[in-house]
Protein backbone atom coordinates (compact mmCIF):
# COMPACT_ATOMS: atom_id res chain seq x y z
CA MET A 1 0.00 0.00 0.00
CA GLN A 2 2.75 2.41 0.96
CA ARG A 3 4.58 1.67 -2.31
CA TRP A 4 1.51 2.69 -4.28
CA ILE A 5 1.36 6.03 -2.45
CA VAL A 6 5.03 6.73 -3.16
CA LEU A 7 4.58 5.66 -6.78
CA GLY A 8 1.47 7.88 -7.10
CA ALA A 9 3.33 10.86 -5.61
CA LEU A 10 6.21 10.27 -8.02
CA VAL A 11 3.85 10.11 -11.02
CA LEU A 12 2.04 13.30 -9.92
CA SER A 13 5.31 15.18 -9.44
CA LEU A 14 6.53 14.07 -12.88
CA LEU A 15 3.23 15.17 -14.44
CA GLY A 16 3.48 18.53 -12.65
CA GLY A 17 7.07 18.99 -13.83
CA GLY A 18 6.07 18.07 -17.38
CA LEU A 19 3.19 20.53 -17.22
CA MET A 20 5.50 23.33 -16.08
CA PHE A 21 8.03 22.48 -18.82
CA GLY A 22 5.26 22.43 -21.44
CA TYR A 23 3.98 25.83 -20.29
CA TRP A 24 7.50 27.29 -20.38
CA LYS A 25 8.14 25.85 -23.85
CA HIS A 26 4.80 27.23 -25.11
CA HIS A 27 5.61 30.65 -23.63
CA GLN A 28 9.03 30.69 -25.34
CA SER A 29 7.43 30.23 -28.76
CA ARG A 30 4.97 33.13 -28.44
CA PRO A 31 5.52 36.06 -30.84
CA ASP A 32 7.57 39.02 -29.67
CA ARG A 33 8.71 42.34 -31.10
CA GLN A 34 11.63 44.43 -29.88
CA TRP A 35 11.96 47.95 -31.24
CA VAL A 36 13.30 51.39 -30.42
CA PRO A 37 10.88 54.32 -30.86
CA ILE A 38 12.43 57.46 -32.35
CA PRO A 39 10.20 60.55 -32.03
CA PHE A 40 9.36 62.46 -35.19
CA ASN A 41 9.58 66.23 -35.27
CA PRO A 42 6.23 67.36 -33.81
CA GLU A 43 5.86 69.92 -36.61
CA SER A 44 6.25 67.33 -39.39
CA THR A 45 3.27 66.42 -41.53
CA GLU A 46 1.94 62.92 -42.19
CA ALA A 47 3.40 63.00 -45.72
CA GLN A 48 6.83 63.96 -44.37
CA ARG A 49 6.67 61.10 -41.87
CA ASP A 50 5.72 58.63 -44.61
CA LYS A 51 8.60 59.90 -46.73
CA SER A 52 11.02 59.54 -43.81
CA VAL A 53 9.93 55.94 -43.23
CA GLU A 54 10.38 55.04 -46.89
CA GLU A 55 13.79 56.75 -47.14
CA LEU A 56 15.02 55.00 -44.03
CA ARG A 57 13.65 51.66 -45.27
CA LYS A 58 15.59 52.08 -48.54
CA ALA A 59 18.76 53.06 -46.68
CA LEU A 60 18.62 50.21 -44.14
CA LEU A 61 17.48 47.34 -46.36
CA THR A 62 20.69 47.20 -48.36
CA GLU A 63 22.94 44.15 -48.48
CA THR A 64 25.83 46.13 -46.95
CA VAL A 65 23.91 47.28 -43.87
CA LEU A 66 22.17 43.96 -43.27
CA THR A 67 25.40 41.98 -43.69
CA GLY A 68 27.08 44.26 -41.15
CA ILE A 69 24.26 43.67 -38.68
CA VAL A 70 24.42 39.89 -39.17
CA ARG A 71 28.21 39.84 -38.70
CA ASP A 72 28.26 42.16 -35.68
CA CYS A 73 25.49 40.26 -33.85
CA GLY A 74 26.59 36.75 -34.86
CA ILE A 75 23.09 35.83 -36.02
CA GLU A 76 24.22 33.07 -38.38
CA SER A 77 25.55 30.97 -35.50
CA LYS A 78 22.98 31.99 -32.85
CA TRP A 79 20.01 31.08 -35.05
CA LYS A 80 21.86 28.14 -36.64
CA LEU A 81 21.35 29.31 -40.21
CA ALA A 82 23.07 27.68 -43.19
CA SER A 83 24.97 30.72 -44.44
CA GLU A 84 25.50 34.43 -44.00
CA GLN A 85 23.21 35.10 -46.97
CA ALA A 86 20.45 33.04 -45.29
CA ALA A 87 20.92 35.14 -42.14
CA VAL A 88 20.66 38.36 -44.19
CA GLU A 89 17.41 37.13 -45.76
CA GLU A 90 16.03 36.18 -42.33
CA ILE A 91 16.91 39.61 -40.91
CA LYS A 92 15.33 41.30 -43.93
CA ARG A 93 12.14 39.28 -43.34
CA ARG A 94 11.97 40.17 -39.64
CA ILE A 95 12.90 43.87 -39.61
CA ILE A 96 10.33 46.45 -38.47
CA ILE A 97 10.46 49.97 -39.90
CA GLU A 98 7.10 51.63 -39.32
CA LYS A 99 5.28 54.66 -38.01
CA GLY A 100 3.90 54.34 -34.54
CA GLU A 101 2.92 56.28 -31.48
CA THR A 102 4.16 56.26 -27.93
CA VAL A 103 3.62 58.33 -24.80
CA ILE A 104 6.61 60.46 -23.79
CA LYS A 105 6.21 62.36 -20.51
CA GLY A 106 2.44 61.93 -20.69
CA ILE A 107 2.14 63.32 -24.24
CA PRO A 108 1.22 61.04 -27.17
CA THR A 109 4.05 61.37 -29.68
CA ALA A 110 4.37 60.09 -33.26
CA THR A 111 7.40 57.82 -33.53
CA LEU A 112 9.42 55.86 -36.02
CA ASN A 113 9.64 52.29 -34.68
CA ILE A 114 12.74 50.37 -35.73
CA GLY A 115 13.37 46.83 -34.54
CA PHE A 116 12.78 43.14 -35.20
CA LYS A 117 10.08 40.45 -34.95
CA GLY A 118 10.66 37.02 -33.49
CA ASN A 119 9.55 34.98 -30.50
CA VAL A 120 10.00 35.30 -26.75
CA GLY A 121 12.90 32.82 -26.69
CA GLU A 122 14.88 35.10 -29.04
CA GLN A 123 14.32 38.24 -26.98
CA PRO A 124 18.00 38.90 -26.14
CA GLN A 125 19.01 38.57 -29.81
CA LEU A 126 16.09 40.77 -30.93
CA ARG A 127 17.10 43.47 -28.45
CA MET A 128 20.73 43.27 -29.59
CA LEU A 129 19.66 43.54 -33.24
CA ALA A 130 17.44 46.56 -32.49
CA GLU A 131 20.27 48.33 -30.69
CA ARG A 132 22.68 47.54 -33.55
CA VAL A 133 20.33 48.84 -36.26
CA ILE A 134 19.79 52.04 -34.24
CA ALA A 135 23.54 52.67 -34.50
CA ASP A 136 23.15 52.59 -38.29
CA VAL A 137 20.13 54.89 -38.09
CA GLN A 138 22.10 57.39 -36.02
CA ARG A 139 24.93 57.22 -38.54
CA LEU A 140 22.47 57.89 -41.39
CA ILE A 141 20.67 60.72 -39.59
CA ALA A 142 23.72 62.39 -38.01
CA PRO A 143 25.02 64.16 -41.17
CA SER A 144 21.73 66.07 -41.45
CA ALA A 145 21.76 67.14 -37.79
CA PRO A 146 23.69 70.27 -36.80
CA PRO A 147 26.84 69.54 -34.79
CA ALA A 148 26.54 69.99 -31.04
CA PRO A 149 28.66 72.81 -29.61
CA THR A 150 31.65 71.65 -27.60
CA PRO A 151 32.54 73.32 -24.30
CA ALA A 152 36.00 74.32 -25.60
CA SER A 153 34.60 76.07 -28.68
CA ALA A 154 31.70 77.75 -26.86
CA SER A 155 33.69 80.70 -25.60
CA THR A 156 37.41 81.46 -25.80
CA THR A 157 37.38 84.78 -23.96
CA PRO A 158 37.53 84.74 -20.15
CA LYS A 159 34.70 86.41 -18.29
CA SER A 160 35.62 89.20 -15.96
């Protein structure tokens, strides 16, 4: 009798462990998106925002940029893809470049969302890819932005 109780407890604990593993595995395969919102100029029109999205899409979806992202993030080995070209195609399929909206300091703000789609189990890689593509976006946008003044060049005369 006592053996049957121990055996029953063992079976129930194995079923409970299997249930928890199944739930975890199911959760890991749920869809996920990781992106970085970049606010648009509040004075820009809808047409200007659409144009910005399309220009940035054309600039980022080049073989050179995508290959750099794949190499820097090591996606070919992390996602166990056959070749670098297969990784580039996978990144191109998963990239997000879209208009969106977010709340910044309590104010709804139009944003440009740049990131990647995947599943919950790939969240660290998706975050790394989003951060890496933002570096390219900053490089593309920086030439059009005015240079920030440096403290040394701000004033060369001493105040009296």
